[in-house]
């Protein structure tokens, strides 16, 4: 979901920033998609073009990565 301010639900979850290094539970692909989307502000459509997959697949990977990161950091909640 994209909100009026242009932030996605995942960007909202990580407004305080991501950890400087990839936590062990995340795959390289998950970490790459999450950091490019959150830190580099790259949209799902652009990531989909770069990776040669659908926009919905990129969003799914980003959501999974966000979930895995919350679990690794023991942060409750999220979408």
N, C-alpha and C. Protein backbone atom coordinates (compact mmCIF):
# COMPACT_ATOMS: atom_id res chain seq x y z
N UNK A 1 0.84 -1.17 0.00
CA UNK A 1 0.00 0.00 0.00
C UNK A 1 0.89 1.24 0.00
N UNK A 2 0.49 2.22 -0.77
CA UNK A 2 1.20 3.50 -0.80
C UNK A 2 0.28 4.56 -0.19
N UNK A 3 0.79 5.28 0.77
CA UNK A 3 0.00 6.29 1.46
C UNK A 3 0.10 7.63 0.73
N UNK A 4 -0.71 8.58 1.13
CA UNK A 4 -0.74 9.90 0.47
C UNK A 4 0.62 10.59 0.44
N UNK A 5 1.41 10.35 1.47
CA UNK A 5 2.73 10.99 1.52
C UNK A 5 3.76 10.26 0.66
N UNK A 6 3.32 9.21 -0.05
CA UNK A 6 4.21 8.47 -0.94
C UNK A 6 4.96 7.34 -0.28
N UNK A 7 4.80 7.19 1.04
CA UNK A 7 5.48 6.11 1.74
C UNK A 7 4.68 4.82 1.64
N UNK A 8 5.37 3.71 1.46
CA UNK A 8 4.70 2.42 1.51
C UNK A 8 4.64 1.96 2.96
N UNK A 9 3.85 0.93 3.21
CA UNK A 9 3.75 0.41 4.57
C UNK A 9 5.11 -0.05 5.09
N UNK A 10 5.93 -0.59 4.23
CA UNK A 10 7.26 -1.06 4.65
C UNK A 10 8.16 0.13 4.97
N UNK A 11 8.12 1.15 4.17
CA UNK A 11 8.94 2.34 4.47
C UNK A 11 8.53 2.96 5.80
N UNK A 12 7.23 2.96 6.08
CA UNK A 12 6.73 3.49 7.34
C UNK A 12 7.28 2.69 8.53
N UNK A 13 7.34 1.37 8.37
CA UNK A 13 7.83 0.51 9.45
C UNK A 13 9.29 0.81 9.80
N UNK A 14 10.06 1.24 8.81
CA UNK A 14 11.50 1.40 8.99
C UNK A 14 11.95 2.85 8.86
N UNK A 15 11.10 3.79 9.28
CA UNK A 15 11.48 5.20 9.18
C UNK A 15 12.68 5.53 10.05
N UNK A 16 12.93 4.72 11.09
CA UNK A 16 14.10 4.94 11.93
C UNK A 16 15.37 4.39 11.33
N UNK A 17 15.25 3.72 10.19
CA UNK A 17 16.41 3.17 9.51
C UNK A 17 16.58 1.68 9.71
N UNK A 18 17.29 1.09 8.80
CA UNK A 18 17.60 -0.34 8.86
C UNK A 18 18.94 -0.53 9.56
N UNK A 19 19.19 -1.75 10.05
CA UNK A 19 20.52 -2.02 10.62
C UNK A 19 21.60 -1.85 9.56
N UNK A 20 22.83 -1.55 9.98
CA UNK A 20 23.90 -1.33 8.99
C UNK A 20 24.34 -2.59 8.26
N UNK A 21 24.08 -3.75 8.86
CA UNK A 21 24.47 -5.02 8.22
C UNK A 21 23.29 -5.96 8.14
N UNK A 22 23.33 -6.85 7.18
CA UNK A 22 22.27 -7.83 6.96
C UNK A 22 22.25 -8.84 8.11
N UNK A 23 21.10 -8.96 8.79
CA UNK A 23 20.97 -10.00 9.81
C UNK A 23 20.97 -11.40 9.16
N UNK A 24 21.44 -12.37 9.88
CA UNK A 24 21.58 -13.73 9.35
C UNK A 24 20.30 -14.31 8.74
N UNK A 25 19.12 -14.13 9.36
CA UNK A 25 17.93 -14.79 8.80
C UNK A 25 17.50 -14.30 7.42
N UNK A 26 17.98 -13.15 6.98
CA UNK A 26 17.57 -12.63 5.68
C UNK A 26 18.48 -13.13 4.58
N UNK A 27 17.87 -13.47 3.46
CA UNK A 27 18.67 -13.86 2.29
C UNK A 27 19.26 -12.59 1.68
N UNK A 28 20.27 -12.77 0.85
CA UNK A 28 20.88 -11.62 0.17
C UNK A 28 19.84 -10.87 -0.66
N UNK A 29 18.97 -11.63 -1.32
CA UNK A 29 17.94 -11.00 -2.16
C UNK A 29 16.95 -10.20 -1.32
N UNK A 30 16.51 -10.78 -0.21
CA UNK A 30 15.59 -10.06 0.68
C UNK A 30 16.22 -8.77 1.18
N UNK A 31 17.46 -8.86 1.63
CA UNK A 31 18.15 -7.68 2.16
C UNK A 31 18.32 -6.62 1.07
N UNK A 32 18.68 -7.05 -0.12
CA UNK A 32 18.88 -6.12 -1.22
C UNK A 32 17.58 -5.39 -1.56
N UNK A 33 16.49 -6.12 -1.69
CA UNK A 33 15.20 -5.50 -2.01
C UNK A 33 14.78 -4.56 -0.89
N UNK A 34 14.92 -4.98 0.36
CA UNK A 34 14.50 -4.15 1.48
C UNK A 34 15.34 -2.87 1.57
N UNK A 35 16.65 -2.99 1.46
CA UNK A 35 17.49 -1.80 1.57
C UNK A 35 17.30 -0.86 0.39
N UNK A 36 17.15 -1.40 -0.80
CA UNK A 36 16.93 -0.54 -1.97
C UNK A 36 15.60 0.19 -1.84
N UNK A 37 14.58 -0.49 -1.34
CA UNK A 37 13.26 0.12 -1.21
C UNK A 37 13.22 1.14 -0.08
N UNK A 38 13.75 0.77 1.10
CA UNK A 38 13.65 1.63 2.28
C UNK A 38 14.72 2.72 2.28
N UNK A 39 15.96 2.33 2.14
CA UNK A 39 17.07 3.28 2.28
C UNK A 39 17.29 4.11 1.02
N UNK A 40 17.24 3.45 -0.14
CA UNK A 40 17.49 4.15 -1.41
C UNK A 40 16.23 4.73 -2.03
N UNK A 41 15.06 4.45 -1.40
CA UNK A 41 13.78 4.99 -1.86
C UNK A 41 13.42 4.57 -3.28
N UNK A 42 13.75 3.33 -3.63
CA UNK A 42 13.44 2.79 -4.95
C UNK A 42 12.07 2.11 -4.89
N UNK A 43 11.19 2.47 -5.80
CA UNK A 43 9.84 1.92 -5.82
C UNK A 43 9.78 0.49 -6.31
N UNK A 44 8.65 -0.15 -6.04
CA UNK A 44 8.46 -1.54 -6.45
C UNK A 44 8.57 -1.71 -7.96
N UNK A 45 8.04 -0.79 -8.72
CA UNK A 45 8.07 -0.91 -10.18
C UNK A 45 9.50 -0.91 -10.70
N UNK A 46 10.32 0.00 -10.18
CA UNK A 46 11.73 0.07 -10.60
C UNK A 46 12.48 -1.20 -10.20
N UNK A 47 12.26 -1.67 -8.97
CA UNK A 47 12.90 -2.90 -8.53
C UNK A 47 12.47 -4.08 -9.38
N UNK A 48 11.19 -4.12 -9.74
CA UNK A 48 10.69 -5.21 -10.58
C UNK A 48 11.38 -5.22 -11.93
N UNK A 49 11.55 -4.04 -12.52
CA UNK A 49 12.26 -3.96 -13.80
C UNK A 49 13.71 -4.43 -13.66
N UNK A 50 14.37 -3.99 -12.60
CA UNK A 50 15.76 -4.38 -12.39
C UNK A 50 15.92 -5.88 -12.18
N UNK A 51 14.97 -6.48 -11.47
CA UNK A 51 15.08 -7.90 -11.15
C UNK A 51 14.40 -8.81 -12.17
N UNK A 52 13.64 -8.23 -13.08
CA UNK A 52 12.95 -9.02 -14.10
C UNK A 52 11.80 -9.85 -13.54
N UNK A 53 11.14 -9.31 -12.52
CA UNK A 53 9.99 -9.99 -11.92
C UNK A 53 8.83 -9.00 -11.84
N UNK A 54 7.69 -9.47 -11.37
CA UNK A 54 6.52 -8.60 -11.26
C UNK A 54 6.64 -7.69 -10.04
N UNK A 55 5.88 -6.62 -10.09
CA UNK A 55 5.81 -5.69 -8.97
C UNK A 55 5.29 -6.37 -7.71
N UNK A 56 4.30 -7.24 -7.90
CA UNK A 56 3.74 -7.94 -6.74
C UNK A 56 4.77 -8.89 -6.12
N UNK A 57 5.63 -9.48 -6.94
CA UNK A 57 6.68 -10.36 -6.42
C UNK A 57 7.70 -9.55 -5.60
N UNK A 58 8.05 -8.37 -6.07
CA UNK A 58 8.98 -7.51 -5.33
C UNK A 58 8.36 -7.13 -3.98
N UNK A 59 7.10 -6.77 -4.00
CA UNK A 59 6.42 -6.40 -2.74
C UNK A 59 6.39 -7.59 -1.79
N UNK A 60 6.13 -8.77 -2.31
CA UNK A 60 6.11 -9.98 -1.49
C UNK A 60 7.49 -10.23 -0.85
N UNK A 61 8.55 -10.07 -1.62
CA UNK A 61 9.91 -10.25 -1.10
C UNK A 61 10.19 -9.19 -0.02
N UNK A 62 9.80 -7.95 -0.27
CA UNK A 62 10.02 -6.88 0.69
C UNK A 62 9.25 -7.13 1.99
N UNK A 63 8.01 -7.58 1.87
CA UNK A 63 7.22 -7.89 3.07
C UNK A 63 7.83 -9.03 3.87
N UNK A 64 8.27 -10.06 3.18
CA UNK A 64 8.92 -11.19 3.84
C UNK A 64 10.20 -10.74 4.53
N UNK A 65 10.99 -9.93 3.84
CA UNK A 65 12.24 -9.43 4.42
C UNK A 65 11.96 -8.60 5.67
N UNK A 66 10.95 -7.75 5.60
CA UNK A 66 10.59 -6.91 6.73
C UNK A 66 10.17 -7.77 7.92
N UNK A 67 9.38 -8.79 7.64
CA UNK A 67 8.93 -9.72 8.70
C UNK A 67 10.13 -10.43 9.32
N UNK A 68 11.02 -10.95 8.48
CA UNK A 68 12.20 -11.65 8.99
C UNK A 68 13.09 -10.71 9.81
N UNK A 69 13.20 -9.48 9.38
CA UNK A 69 14.03 -8.51 10.10
C UNK A 69 13.42 -8.17 11.45
N UNK A 70 12.11 -7.97 11.49
CA UNK A 70 11.44 -7.71 12.77
C UNK A 70 11.66 -8.87 13.74
N UNK A 71 11.56 -10.09 13.23
CA UNK A 71 11.78 -11.27 14.08
C UNK A 71 13.23 -11.32 14.55
N UNK A 72 14.17 -11.05 13.66
CA UNK A 72 15.59 -11.09 14.02
C UNK A 72 15.92 -10.04 15.08
N UNK A 73 15.27 -8.90 14.99
CA UNK A 73 15.52 -7.81 15.93
C UNK A 73 14.57 -7.84 17.12
N UNK A 74 13.68 -8.83 17.10
CA UNK A 74 12.67 -9.00 18.15
C UNK A 74 11.78 -7.78 18.30
N UNK A 75 11.33 -7.25 17.15
CA UNK A 75 10.41 -6.11 17.14
C UNK A 75 9.01 -6.65 16.89
N UNK A 76 8.07 -6.41 17.79
CA UNK A 76 6.70 -6.92 17.60
C UNK A 76 5.93 -6.12 16.54
N UNK A 77 4.85 -6.72 16.09
CA UNK A 77 3.90 -6.02 15.23
C UNK A 77 4.30 -5.95 13.78
N UNK A 78 3.81 -4.91 13.14
CA UNK A 78 4.03 -4.74 11.72
C UNK A 78 2.82 -5.23 10.96
N UNK A 79 2.90 -5.11 9.64
CA UNK A 79 1.76 -5.52 8.79
C UNK A 79 2.04 -6.83 8.14
